N, C-alpha and C. Protein backbone atom coordinates (compact mmCIF):
# COMPACT_ATOMS: atom_id res chain seq x y z
N UNK A 1 16.65 10.39 -16.02
CA UNK A 1 17.38 11.65 -16.06
C UNK A 1 16.43 12.84 -16.12
N UNK A 2 15.37 12.70 -16.90
CA UNK A 2 14.39 13.80 -17.00
C UNK A 2 13.70 14.04 -15.66
N UNK A 3 13.37 12.98 -14.96
CA UNK A 3 12.73 13.11 -13.64
C UNK A 3 13.65 13.80 -12.65
N UNK A 4 14.91 13.40 -12.64
CA UNK A 4 15.87 13.99 -11.71
C UNK A 4 16.10 15.47 -12.02
N UNK A 5 16.12 15.81 -13.30
CA UNK A 5 16.29 17.22 -13.68
C UNK A 5 15.06 18.02 -13.30
N UNK A 6 13.88 17.45 -13.51
CA UNK A 6 12.63 18.16 -13.16
C UNK A 6 12.52 18.38 -11.66
N UNK A 7 13.13 17.49 -10.89
CA UNK A 7 13.05 17.58 -9.43
C UNK A 7 14.01 18.62 -8.85
N UNK A 8 14.97 19.05 -9.63
CA UNK A 8 15.96 20.03 -9.16
C UNK A 8 15.27 21.34 -8.78
N UNK A 9 15.56 21.83 -7.58
CA UNK A 9 14.98 23.08 -7.11
C UNK A 9 13.61 22.92 -6.48
N UNK A 10 12.92 21.85 -6.79
CA UNK A 10 11.60 21.58 -6.22
C UNK A 10 11.68 20.52 -5.12
N UNK A 11 12.34 19.44 -5.46
CA UNK A 11 12.55 18.32 -4.55
C UNK A 11 11.24 17.82 -3.91
N UNK A 12 10.21 17.70 -4.75
CA UNK A 12 8.93 17.18 -4.29
C UNK A 12 8.49 15.93 -5.04
N UNK A 13 9.42 15.39 -5.82
CA UNK A 13 9.11 14.21 -6.63
C UNK A 13 9.23 12.92 -5.82
N UNK A 14 8.33 11.99 -6.09
CA UNK A 14 8.41 10.65 -5.52
C UNK A 14 8.29 9.65 -6.66
N UNK A 15 9.12 8.63 -6.62
CA UNK A 15 9.08 7.57 -7.64
C UNK A 15 8.69 6.27 -6.95
N UNK A 16 7.74 5.55 -7.55
CA UNK A 16 7.27 4.29 -6.99
C UNK A 16 7.59 3.17 -7.98
N UNK A 17 8.38 2.19 -7.53
CA UNK A 17 8.72 1.05 -8.38
C UNK A 17 7.61 0.01 -8.29
N UNK A 18 6.95 -0.33 -9.41
CA UNK A 18 5.83 -1.29 -9.37
C UNK A 18 6.27 -2.74 -9.58
N UNK A 19 5.39 -3.65 -9.22
CA UNK A 19 5.54 -5.09 -9.49
C UNK A 19 6.90 -5.65 -9.08
N UNK A 20 7.40 -5.21 -7.95
CA UNK A 20 8.69 -5.68 -7.46
C UNK A 20 8.49 -7.04 -6.78
N UNK A 21 9.32 -8.00 -7.15
CA UNK A 21 9.22 -9.34 -6.57
C UNK A 21 10.50 -9.78 -5.88
N UNK A 22 11.61 -9.05 -6.13
CA UNK A 22 12.91 -9.44 -5.58
C UNK A 22 13.65 -8.22 -5.05
N UNK A 23 14.45 -8.43 -4.01
CA UNK A 23 15.27 -7.35 -3.46
C UNK A 23 16.26 -6.85 -4.52
N UNK A 24 16.78 -7.77 -5.32
CA UNK A 24 17.73 -7.42 -6.36
C UNK A 24 17.15 -6.38 -7.33
N UNK A 25 15.86 -6.48 -7.61
CA UNK A 25 15.22 -5.53 -8.52
C UNK A 25 15.26 -4.11 -7.95
N UNK A 26 15.03 -4.01 -6.65
CA UNK A 26 15.09 -2.70 -5.99
C UNK A 26 16.52 -2.17 -6.03
N UNK A 27 17.48 -3.03 -5.70
CA UNK A 27 18.88 -2.61 -5.71
C UNK A 27 19.32 -2.13 -7.09
N UNK A 28 18.89 -2.86 -8.12
CA UNK A 28 19.25 -2.46 -9.49
C UNK A 28 18.60 -1.14 -9.88
N UNK A 29 17.33 -0.96 -9.52
CA UNK A 29 16.63 0.28 -9.84
C UNK A 29 17.26 1.47 -9.11
N UNK A 30 17.58 1.27 -7.84
CA UNK A 30 18.24 2.33 -7.07
C UNK A 30 19.62 2.65 -7.65
N UNK A 31 20.31 1.60 -8.12
CA UNK A 31 21.62 1.80 -8.74
C UNK A 31 21.52 2.63 -10.01
N UNK A 32 20.50 2.36 -10.82
CA UNK A 32 20.29 3.14 -12.06
C UNK A 32 19.95 4.60 -11.75
N UNK A 33 19.16 4.78 -10.71
CA UNK A 33 18.79 6.13 -10.28
C UNK A 33 20.03 6.90 -9.80
N UNK A 34 20.86 6.23 -9.00
CA UNK A 34 22.09 6.86 -8.49
C UNK A 34 23.05 7.19 -9.64
N UNK A 35 23.14 6.29 -10.61
CA UNK A 35 24.03 6.52 -11.76
C UNK A 35 23.56 7.72 -12.57
N UNK A 36 22.25 7.80 -12.82
CA UNK A 36 21.71 8.92 -13.58
C UNK A 36 21.98 10.24 -12.85
N UNK A 37 21.82 10.22 -11.53
CA UNK A 37 22.07 11.42 -10.72
C UNK A 37 23.53 11.83 -10.81
N UNK A 38 24.41 10.87 -10.67
CA UNK A 38 25.86 11.13 -10.73
C UNK A 38 26.26 11.68 -12.10
N UNK A 39 25.73 11.09 -13.16
CA UNK A 39 26.06 11.54 -14.52
C UNK A 39 25.60 12.97 -14.77
N UNK A 40 24.40 13.30 -14.30
CA UNK A 40 23.87 14.65 -14.48
C UNK A 40 24.75 15.67 -13.78
N UNK A 41 25.14 15.35 -12.55
CA UNK A 41 26.00 16.27 -11.80
C UNK A 41 27.35 16.44 -12.48
N UNK A 42 27.90 15.33 -13.00
CA UNK A 42 29.19 15.40 -13.70
C UNK A 42 29.09 16.24 -14.97
N UNK A 43 27.91 16.27 -15.59
CA UNK A 43 27.69 17.07 -16.79
C UNK A 43 27.36 18.52 -16.45
N UNK A 44 27.26 18.82 -15.15
CA UNK A 44 26.95 20.18 -14.72
C UNK A 44 25.48 20.53 -14.82
N UNK A 45 24.62 19.53 -14.90
CA UNK A 45 23.19 19.78 -15.00
C UNK A 45 22.55 19.71 -13.62
N UNK A 46 21.54 20.52 -13.37
CA UNK A 46 20.86 20.46 -12.06
C UNK A 46 20.08 19.16 -11.95
N UNK A 47 20.15 18.54 -10.78
CA UNK A 47 19.44 17.28 -10.55
C UNK A 47 19.26 17.07 -9.06
N UNK A 48 18.17 16.46 -8.68
CA UNK A 48 17.92 16.15 -7.27
C UNK A 48 17.29 14.77 -7.18
N UNK A 49 17.80 13.97 -6.24
CA UNK A 49 17.24 12.63 -6.04
C UNK A 49 15.85 12.74 -5.43
N UNK A 50 14.91 11.95 -5.93
CA UNK A 50 13.56 11.95 -5.36
C UNK A 50 13.45 10.96 -4.21
N UNK A 51 12.33 11.03 -3.49
CA UNK A 51 12.00 9.96 -2.55
C UNK A 51 11.58 8.76 -3.39
N UNK A 52 11.93 7.58 -2.91
CA UNK A 52 11.67 6.36 -3.68
C UNK A 52 10.83 5.39 -2.84
N UNK A 53 9.89 4.74 -3.51
CA UNK A 53 9.06 3.75 -2.84
C UNK A 53 8.94 2.48 -3.65
N UNK A 54 8.43 1.45 -3.00
CA UNK A 54 8.18 0.16 -3.64
C UNK A 54 6.70 -0.17 -3.50
N UNK A 55 6.11 -0.65 -4.58
CA UNK A 55 4.72 -1.10 -4.56
C UNK A 55 4.70 -2.57 -4.17
N UNK A 56 4.00 -2.87 -3.10
CA UNK A 56 3.84 -4.26 -2.66
C UNK A 56 2.55 -4.76 -3.27
N UNK A 57 2.68 -5.59 -4.31
CA UNK A 57 1.48 -6.08 -4.99
C UNK A 57 1.60 -7.52 -5.46
N UNK A 58 2.72 -8.17 -5.15
CA UNK A 58 2.86 -9.60 -5.44
C UNK A 58 3.22 -10.30 -4.13
N UNK A 59 2.78 -11.55 -3.95
CA UNK A 59 2.99 -12.24 -2.67
C UNK A 59 4.44 -12.28 -2.19
N UNK A 60 5.41 -12.47 -3.08
CA UNK A 60 6.80 -12.54 -2.63
C UNK A 60 7.22 -11.25 -1.95
N UNK A 61 6.69 -10.12 -2.40
CA UNK A 61 7.05 -8.82 -1.83
C UNK A 61 6.59 -8.69 -0.38
N UNK A 62 5.48 -9.35 -0.05
CA UNK A 62 4.97 -9.30 1.33
C UNK A 62 6.05 -9.79 2.29
N UNK A 63 6.73 -10.85 1.90
CA UNK A 63 7.73 -11.47 2.78
C UNK A 63 9.09 -10.78 2.72
N UNK A 64 9.21 -9.81 1.84
CA UNK A 64 10.46 -9.06 1.70
C UNK A 64 10.33 -7.62 2.20
N UNK A 65 9.22 -7.33 2.86
CA UNK A 65 8.95 -5.96 3.31
C UNK A 65 10.09 -5.37 4.12
N UNK A 66 10.63 -6.14 5.07
CA UNK A 66 11.72 -5.60 5.91
C UNK A 66 12.90 -5.18 5.06
N UNK A 67 13.26 -6.00 4.10
CA UNK A 67 14.40 -5.68 3.22
C UNK A 67 14.11 -4.45 2.37
N UNK A 68 12.90 -4.35 1.82
CA UNK A 68 12.55 -3.19 1.03
C UNK A 68 12.57 -1.92 1.89
N UNK A 69 12.00 -2.04 3.09
CA UNK A 69 11.86 -0.88 3.98
C UNK A 69 13.21 -0.30 4.41
N UNK A 70 14.26 -1.10 4.39
CA UNK A 70 15.58 -0.58 4.73
C UNK A 70 16.22 0.15 3.55
N UNK A 71 15.63 0.01 2.37
CA UNK A 71 16.24 0.58 1.16
C UNK A 71 15.51 1.80 0.61
N UNK A 72 14.21 1.90 0.90
CA UNK A 72 13.42 2.97 0.29
C UNK A 72 12.77 3.87 1.34
N UNK A 73 12.15 4.94 0.87
CA UNK A 73 11.56 5.93 1.77
C UNK A 73 10.13 5.59 2.18
N UNK A 74 9.41 4.86 1.33
CA UNK A 74 8.01 4.54 1.63
C UNK A 74 7.60 3.29 0.86
N UNK A 75 6.49 2.70 1.30
CA UNK A 75 5.91 1.55 0.61
C UNK A 75 4.46 1.86 0.29
N UNK A 76 3.96 1.25 -0.76
CA UNK A 76 2.55 1.38 -1.10
C UNK A 76 2.02 -0.02 -1.41
N UNK A 77 0.89 -0.37 -0.82
CA UNK A 77 0.29 -1.68 -1.04
C UNK A 77 -0.76 -1.54 -2.14
N UNK A 78 -0.58 -2.25 -3.23
CA UNK A 78 -1.56 -2.28 -4.32
C UNK A 78 -2.53 -3.42 -4.06
N UNK A 79 -3.62 -3.12 -3.37
CA UNK A 79 -4.51 -4.19 -2.90
C UNK A 79 -5.23 -4.93 -4.02
N UNK A 80 -5.50 -4.27 -5.15
CA UNK A 80 -6.20 -4.97 -6.22
C UNK A 80 -5.37 -6.15 -6.74
N UNK A 81 -4.12 -5.88 -7.09
CA UNK A 81 -3.25 -6.95 -7.59
C UNK A 81 -2.88 -7.93 -6.49
N UNK A 82 -2.56 -7.41 -5.30
CA UNK A 82 -2.16 -8.30 -4.21
C UNK A 82 -3.27 -9.30 -3.88
N UNK A 83 -4.49 -8.82 -3.84
CA UNK A 83 -5.64 -9.70 -3.57
C UNK A 83 -5.76 -10.76 -4.66
N UNK A 84 -5.66 -10.33 -5.90
CA UNK A 84 -5.78 -11.26 -7.02
C UNK A 84 -4.73 -12.36 -6.95
N UNK A 85 -3.49 -11.99 -6.63
CA UNK A 85 -2.41 -12.98 -6.62
C UNK A 85 -2.44 -13.86 -5.37
N UNK A 86 -2.82 -13.30 -4.23
CA UNK A 86 -2.90 -14.13 -3.01
C UNK A 86 -4.01 -15.16 -3.14
N UNK A 87 -5.15 -14.74 -3.70
CA UNK A 87 -6.31 -15.63 -3.78
C UNK A 87 -6.38 -16.42 -5.09
N UNK A 88 -5.42 -16.18 -5.99
CA UNK A 88 -5.40 -16.86 -7.29
C UNK A 88 -6.76 -16.75 -7.98
N UNK A 89 -7.33 -15.54 -7.95
CA UNK A 89 -8.64 -15.29 -8.54
C UNK A 89 -8.56 -14.05 -9.43
N UNK A 90 -8.50 -14.25 -10.72
CA UNK A 90 -8.40 -13.17 -11.69
C UNK A 90 -9.62 -12.26 -11.60
N UNK A 91 -9.38 -11.00 -11.25
CA UNK A 91 -10.51 -10.08 -11.06
C UNK A 91 -11.20 -9.69 -12.36
N UNK A 92 -10.60 -10.07 -13.50
CA UNK A 92 -11.24 -9.77 -14.79
C UNK A 92 -11.99 -10.98 -15.35
N UNK A 93 -11.94 -12.10 -14.63
CA UNK A 93 -12.62 -13.32 -15.07
C UNK A 93 -13.93 -13.47 -14.31
N UNK A 94 -15.04 -13.36 -15.01
CA UNK A 94 -16.37 -13.38 -14.38
C UNK A 94 -16.62 -14.67 -13.59
N UNK A 95 -15.99 -15.77 -13.98
CA UNK A 95 -16.23 -17.05 -13.30
C UNK A 95 -15.61 -17.12 -11.91
N UNK A 96 -14.56 -16.33 -11.67
CA UNK A 96 -13.89 -16.39 -10.37
C UNK A 96 -13.81 -15.04 -9.64
N UNK A 97 -14.32 -13.99 -10.26
CA UNK A 97 -14.15 -12.66 -9.66
C UNK A 97 -14.83 -12.52 -8.30
N UNK A 98 -15.86 -13.33 -8.01
CA UNK A 98 -16.50 -13.24 -6.70
C UNK A 98 -15.57 -13.75 -5.59
N UNK A 99 -14.59 -14.55 -5.95
CA UNK A 99 -13.62 -15.04 -4.97
C UNK A 99 -12.56 -13.99 -4.66
N UNK A 100 -12.55 -12.92 -5.43
CA UNK A 100 -11.54 -11.87 -5.28
C UNK A 100 -12.06 -10.80 -4.32
N UNK A 101 -11.69 -10.89 -3.06
CA UNK A 101 -12.20 -9.98 -2.03
C UNK A 101 -11.05 -9.54 -1.14
N UNK A 102 -10.76 -8.24 -1.13
CA UNK A 102 -9.65 -7.70 -0.33
C UNK A 102 -9.90 -7.83 1.17
N UNK A 103 -11.12 -8.17 1.57
CA UNK A 103 -11.40 -8.38 2.99
C UNK A 103 -11.18 -9.83 3.41
N UNK A 104 -10.69 -10.65 2.50
CA UNK A 104 -10.36 -12.04 2.84
C UNK A 104 -9.29 -12.01 3.94
N UNK A 105 -9.43 -12.87 4.95
CA UNK A 105 -8.46 -12.89 6.06
C UNK A 105 -7.00 -13.02 5.63
N UNK A 106 -6.75 -13.77 4.57
CA UNK A 106 -5.36 -13.92 4.10
C UNK A 106 -4.81 -12.58 3.62
N UNK A 107 -5.63 -11.81 2.93
CA UNK A 107 -5.20 -10.50 2.43
C UNK A 107 -5.01 -9.53 3.59
N UNK A 108 -5.97 -9.52 4.51
CA UNK A 108 -5.87 -8.61 5.66
C UNK A 108 -4.64 -8.91 6.51
N UNK A 109 -4.35 -10.19 6.70
CA UNK A 109 -3.17 -10.55 7.49
C UNK A 109 -1.88 -10.22 6.75
N UNK A 110 -1.89 -10.31 5.42
CA UNK A 110 -0.72 -9.90 4.64
C UNK A 110 -0.50 -8.39 4.80
N UNK A 111 -1.58 -7.62 4.73
CA UNK A 111 -1.48 -6.16 4.91
C UNK A 111 -0.95 -5.84 6.30
N UNK A 112 -1.47 -6.53 7.30
CA UNK A 112 -1.01 -6.31 8.68
C UNK A 112 0.48 -6.62 8.82
N UNK A 113 0.92 -7.68 8.19
CA UNK A 113 2.33 -8.07 8.26
C UNK A 113 3.22 -7.02 7.57
N UNK A 114 2.77 -6.52 6.44
CA UNK A 114 3.53 -5.49 5.71
C UNK A 114 3.69 -4.25 6.60
N UNK A 115 2.59 -3.82 7.19
CA UNK A 115 2.63 -2.62 8.03
C UNK A 115 3.54 -2.82 9.23
N UNK A 116 3.42 -3.96 9.88
CA UNK A 116 4.27 -4.25 11.04
C UNK A 116 5.76 -4.21 10.67
N UNK A 117 6.10 -4.87 9.58
CA UNK A 117 7.50 -4.94 9.16
C UNK A 117 8.04 -3.59 8.66
N UNK A 118 7.19 -2.83 7.98
CA UNK A 118 7.61 -1.51 7.49
C UNK A 118 7.79 -0.54 8.65
N UNK A 119 6.83 -0.52 9.55
CA UNK A 119 6.91 0.40 10.68
C UNK A 119 8.09 0.07 11.60
N UNK A 120 8.49 -1.18 11.65
CA UNK A 120 9.66 -1.56 12.44
C UNK A 120 10.93 -0.90 11.89
N UNK A 121 10.89 -0.50 10.62
CA UNK A 121 12.01 0.20 9.98
C UNK A 121 11.72 1.70 9.81
N UNK A 122 10.66 2.18 10.48
CA UNK A 122 10.24 3.59 10.36
C UNK A 122 9.92 4.00 8.93
N UNK A 123 9.33 3.07 8.18
CA UNK A 123 8.94 3.34 6.80
C UNK A 123 7.42 3.41 6.72
N UNK A 124 6.91 4.45 6.08
CA UNK A 124 5.47 4.64 6.00
C UNK A 124 4.85 3.74 4.93
N UNK A 125 3.53 3.48 5.10
CA UNK A 125 2.80 2.60 4.19
C UNK A 125 1.50 3.27 3.75
N UNK A 126 1.32 3.33 2.44
CA UNK A 126 0.09 3.82 1.84
C UNK A 126 -0.63 2.62 1.23
N UNK A 127 -1.95 2.68 1.19
CA UNK A 127 -2.71 1.64 0.51
C UNK A 127 -3.50 2.27 -0.63
N UNK A 128 -3.41 1.66 -1.81
CA UNK A 128 -4.26 2.07 -2.92
C UNK A 128 -5.02 0.84 -3.40
N UNK A 129 -6.07 1.08 -4.13
CA UNK A 129 -6.92 -0.03 -4.57
C UNK A 129 -8.35 0.21 -4.11
N UNK A 130 -9.25 -0.64 -4.57
CA UNK A 130 -10.67 -0.44 -4.29
C UNK A 130 -10.99 -0.43 -2.80
N UNK A 131 -10.30 -1.24 -2.02
CA UNK A 131 -10.60 -1.32 -0.58
C UNK A 131 -10.31 0.00 0.12
N UNK A 132 -9.34 0.78 -0.37
CA UNK A 132 -9.01 2.07 0.23
C UNK A 132 -10.13 3.09 0.01
N UNK A 133 -10.89 2.92 -1.08
CA UNK A 133 -11.98 3.82 -1.37
C UNK A 133 -13.33 3.35 -0.86
N UNK A 134 -13.34 2.21 -0.20
CA UNK A 134 -14.55 1.68 0.42
C UNK A 134 -14.58 2.17 1.87
N UNK A 135 -15.63 2.88 2.31
CA UNK A 135 -15.63 3.44 3.66
C UNK A 135 -15.32 2.42 4.76
N UNK A 136 -15.94 1.26 4.70
CA UNK A 136 -15.68 0.24 5.73
C UNK A 136 -14.24 -0.26 5.64
N UNK A 137 -13.77 -0.48 4.42
CA UNK A 137 -12.40 -0.93 4.22
C UNK A 137 -11.40 0.10 4.69
N UNK A 138 -11.68 1.38 4.45
CA UNK A 138 -10.78 2.45 4.86
C UNK A 138 -10.62 2.49 6.38
N UNK A 139 -11.74 2.37 7.09
CA UNK A 139 -11.68 2.35 8.56
C UNK A 139 -10.85 1.16 9.04
N UNK A 140 -11.07 0.02 8.42
CA UNK A 140 -10.33 -1.19 8.79
C UNK A 140 -8.83 -1.00 8.54
N UNK A 141 -8.47 -0.45 7.39
CA UNK A 141 -7.07 -0.23 7.06
C UNK A 141 -6.40 0.72 8.04
N UNK A 142 -7.09 1.78 8.41
CA UNK A 142 -6.53 2.73 9.38
C UNK A 142 -6.36 2.05 10.74
N UNK A 143 -7.30 1.18 11.09
CA UNK A 143 -7.18 0.44 12.34
C UNK A 143 -6.01 -0.53 12.33
N UNK A 144 -5.71 -1.09 11.17
CA UNK A 144 -4.56 -2.00 11.04
C UNK A 144 -3.25 -1.23 11.14
N UNK A 145 -3.28 0.07 10.77
CA UNK A 145 -2.08 0.89 10.93
C UNK A 145 -1.57 1.57 9.69
N UNK A 146 -2.35 1.57 8.61
CA UNK A 146 -1.94 2.23 7.38
C UNK A 146 -1.74 3.73 7.63
N UNK A 147 -0.72 4.31 7.02
CA UNK A 147 -0.41 5.73 7.23
C UNK A 147 -1.20 6.65 6.31
N UNK A 148 -1.56 6.17 5.11
CA UNK A 148 -2.29 7.00 4.16
C UNK A 148 -3.08 6.11 3.21
N UNK A 149 -4.15 6.67 2.67
CA UNK A 149 -5.00 5.97 1.71
C UNK A 149 -5.00 6.73 0.39
N UNK A 150 -4.97 5.99 -0.71
CA UNK A 150 -5.05 6.58 -2.03
C UNK A 150 -6.30 6.04 -2.70
N UNK A 151 -7.17 6.96 -3.13
CA UNK A 151 -8.46 6.52 -3.69
C UNK A 151 -8.92 7.43 -4.80
N UNK A 152 -9.93 6.95 -5.51
CA UNK A 152 -10.59 7.73 -6.54
C UNK A 152 -11.29 8.91 -5.86
N UNK A 153 -11.22 10.08 -6.47
CA UNK A 153 -11.82 11.29 -5.90
C UNK A 153 -13.32 11.12 -5.63
N UNK A 154 -13.99 10.29 -6.43
CA UNK A 154 -15.43 10.08 -6.27
C UNK A 154 -15.75 9.45 -4.91
N UNK A 155 -14.80 8.72 -4.32
CA UNK A 155 -15.04 8.06 -3.03
C UNK A 155 -14.62 8.90 -1.83
N UNK A 156 -13.93 9.99 -2.08
CA UNK A 156 -13.28 10.74 -1.01
C UNK A 156 -14.25 11.21 0.08
N UNK A 157 -15.34 11.85 -0.31
CA UNK A 157 -16.28 12.42 0.68
C UNK A 157 -16.90 11.33 1.56
N UNK A 158 -17.31 10.22 0.93
CA UNK A 158 -17.92 9.12 1.69
C UNK A 158 -16.94 8.55 2.71
N UNK A 159 -15.70 8.34 2.25
CA UNK A 159 -14.67 7.79 3.14
C UNK A 159 -14.38 8.75 4.28
N UNK A 160 -14.28 10.04 3.95
CA UNK A 160 -13.98 11.06 4.96
C UNK A 160 -15.07 11.09 6.04
N UNK A 161 -16.33 11.02 5.64
CA UNK A 161 -17.44 11.04 6.61
C UNK A 161 -17.36 9.86 7.58
N UNK A 162 -17.07 8.68 7.05
CA UNK A 162 -17.00 7.48 7.89
C UNK A 162 -15.79 7.53 8.82
N UNK A 163 -14.66 7.94 8.29
CA UNK A 163 -13.44 8.01 9.10
C UNK A 163 -13.64 8.98 10.27
N UNK A 164 -14.29 10.08 10.02
CA UNK A 164 -14.53 11.08 11.08
C UNK A 164 -15.45 10.55 12.18
N UNK A 165 -16.23 9.52 11.86
CA UNK A 165 -17.16 8.95 12.84
C UNK A 165 -16.49 7.92 13.74
N UNK A 166 -15.24 7.56 13.44
CA UNK A 166 -14.53 6.54 14.22
C UNK A 166 -13.30 7.15 14.89
N UNK A 167 -13.13 6.82 16.18
CA UNK A 167 -11.86 7.17 16.82
C UNK A 167 -10.83 6.15 16.38
N UNK A 168 -9.55 6.49 16.51
CA UNK A 168 -8.50 5.55 16.15
C UNK A 168 -8.56 4.32 17.06
N UNK A 169 -8.90 4.55 18.32
CA UNK A 169 -9.02 3.43 19.28
C UNK A 169 -10.10 2.45 18.83
N UNK A 170 -11.22 2.98 18.39
CA UNK A 170 -12.32 2.12 17.92
C UNK A 170 -11.95 1.40 16.63
N UNK A 171 -11.26 2.10 15.73
CA UNK A 171 -10.83 1.49 14.47
C UNK A 171 -9.83 0.36 14.74
N UNK A 172 -8.94 0.56 15.71
CA UNK A 172 -7.97 -0.49 16.05
C UNK A 172 -8.66 -1.71 16.66
N UNK A 173 -9.65 -1.47 17.50
CA UNK A 173 -10.40 -2.58 18.10
C UNK A 173 -11.13 -3.37 17.02
N UNK A 174 -11.71 -2.66 16.07
CA UNK A 174 -12.41 -3.29 14.95
C UNK A 174 -11.43 -4.11 14.10
N UNK A 175 -10.26 -3.56 13.84
CA UNK A 175 -9.24 -4.25 13.06
C UNK A 175 -8.78 -5.52 13.77
N UNK A 176 -8.59 -5.43 15.07
CA UNK A 176 -8.17 -6.62 15.84
C UNK A 176 -9.21 -7.73 15.74
N UNK A 177 -10.48 -7.36 15.79
CA UNK A 177 -11.55 -8.36 15.63
C UNK A 177 -11.54 -8.94 14.22
N UNK A 178 -11.39 -8.07 13.22
CA UNK A 178 -11.42 -8.52 11.82
C UNK A 178 -10.27 -9.47 11.52
N UNK A 179 -9.10 -9.19 12.07
CA UNK A 179 -7.92 -10.03 11.79
C UNK A 179 -8.04 -11.42 12.40
N UNK A 180 -8.99 -11.59 13.34
CA UNK A 180 -9.19 -12.91 13.95
C UNK A 180 -10.25 -13.74 13.21
N UNK A 181 -10.93 -13.15 12.23
CA UNK A 181 -11.97 -13.87 11.50
C UNK A 181 -11.35 -14.84 10.50
N UNK A 182 -12.13 -15.85 10.13
CA UNK A 182 -11.63 -16.87 9.21
C UNK A 182 -12.32 -16.83 7.84
N UNK A 183 -13.22 -15.89 7.65
CA UNK A 183 -13.98 -15.81 6.41
C UNK A 183 -14.29 -14.35 6.10
N UNK A 184 -14.16 -13.97 4.84
CA UNK A 184 -14.39 -12.58 4.46
C UNK A 184 -15.83 -12.13 4.71
N UNK A 185 -16.79 -13.08 4.67
CA UNK A 185 -18.18 -12.71 4.95
C UNK A 185 -18.34 -12.27 6.40
N UNK A 186 -17.62 -12.92 7.29
CA UNK A 186 -17.65 -12.54 8.70
C UNK A 186 -17.01 -11.16 8.90
N UNK A 187 -15.94 -10.91 8.16
CA UNK A 187 -15.28 -9.60 8.24
C UNK A 187 -16.24 -8.52 7.76
N UNK A 188 -16.89 -8.78 6.62
CA UNK A 188 -17.80 -7.77 6.07
C UNK A 188 -19.00 -7.54 7.01
N UNK A 189 -19.51 -8.62 7.61
CA UNK A 189 -20.61 -8.47 8.58
C UNK A 189 -20.18 -7.64 9.78
N UNK A 190 -18.98 -7.88 10.26
CA UNK A 190 -18.42 -7.12 11.39
C UNK A 190 -18.33 -5.64 11.05
N UNK A 191 -17.84 -5.34 9.85
CA UNK A 191 -17.70 -3.94 9.43
C UNK A 191 -19.07 -3.29 9.23
N UNK A 192 -19.99 -4.00 8.62
CA UNK A 192 -21.33 -3.44 8.42
C UNK A 192 -22.01 -3.11 9.74
N UNK A 193 -21.88 -3.99 10.71
CA UNK A 193 -22.45 -3.74 12.04
C UNK A 193 -21.81 -2.53 12.69
N UNK A 194 -20.51 -2.39 12.54
CA UNK A 194 -19.79 -1.26 13.13
C UNK A 194 -20.23 0.05 12.49
N UNK A 195 -20.49 0.03 11.17
CA UNK A 195 -20.91 1.25 10.49
C UNK A 195 -22.33 1.65 10.88
N UNK A 196 -23.16 0.65 11.15
CA UNK A 196 -24.54 0.94 11.58
C UNK A 196 -24.57 1.51 12.98
N UNK A 197 -23.63 1.02 13.82
CA UNK A 197 -23.60 1.45 15.22
C UNK A 197 -22.94 2.79 15.36
């Protein structure tokens, strides 16, 4: 209710539902939002519905992208958690953290699938997480088709410099090559060579 009231007259608020694993969860959250909006209006209080998004960060959500995209305004891929859950490698556990790599082909193909399914519904996709702030990763994500990147401000200038050095056509060609690799080391080697060239 407070969010909806704060959005009245401004209408620049966006709400992102995190850790969504089921379509029912989105429907229930949207229902609560609609109820709060309706109640505020009935009470004569100013209120405006925000744009709503879903965070794709668990494997089940990858396969529900089409359903989510028909219900919300935008999607955001949380690559840190998604990578951890796809690869079953806890990024806080020193014994397995080296296995946690967002450039793993399984993760890249999941991201590609999310973007394809979201764009088929005219829904935009943002990526947040460490890979979005990595210059090579950022170029790869843009080549795969991501609409926006969310990163730590400390990485912004480096990422901007690299992105400006690549045409979209070149980034797409690089992404197509990367998506055909079978090992994250090969993906990283491909990106490193592209950055040197």
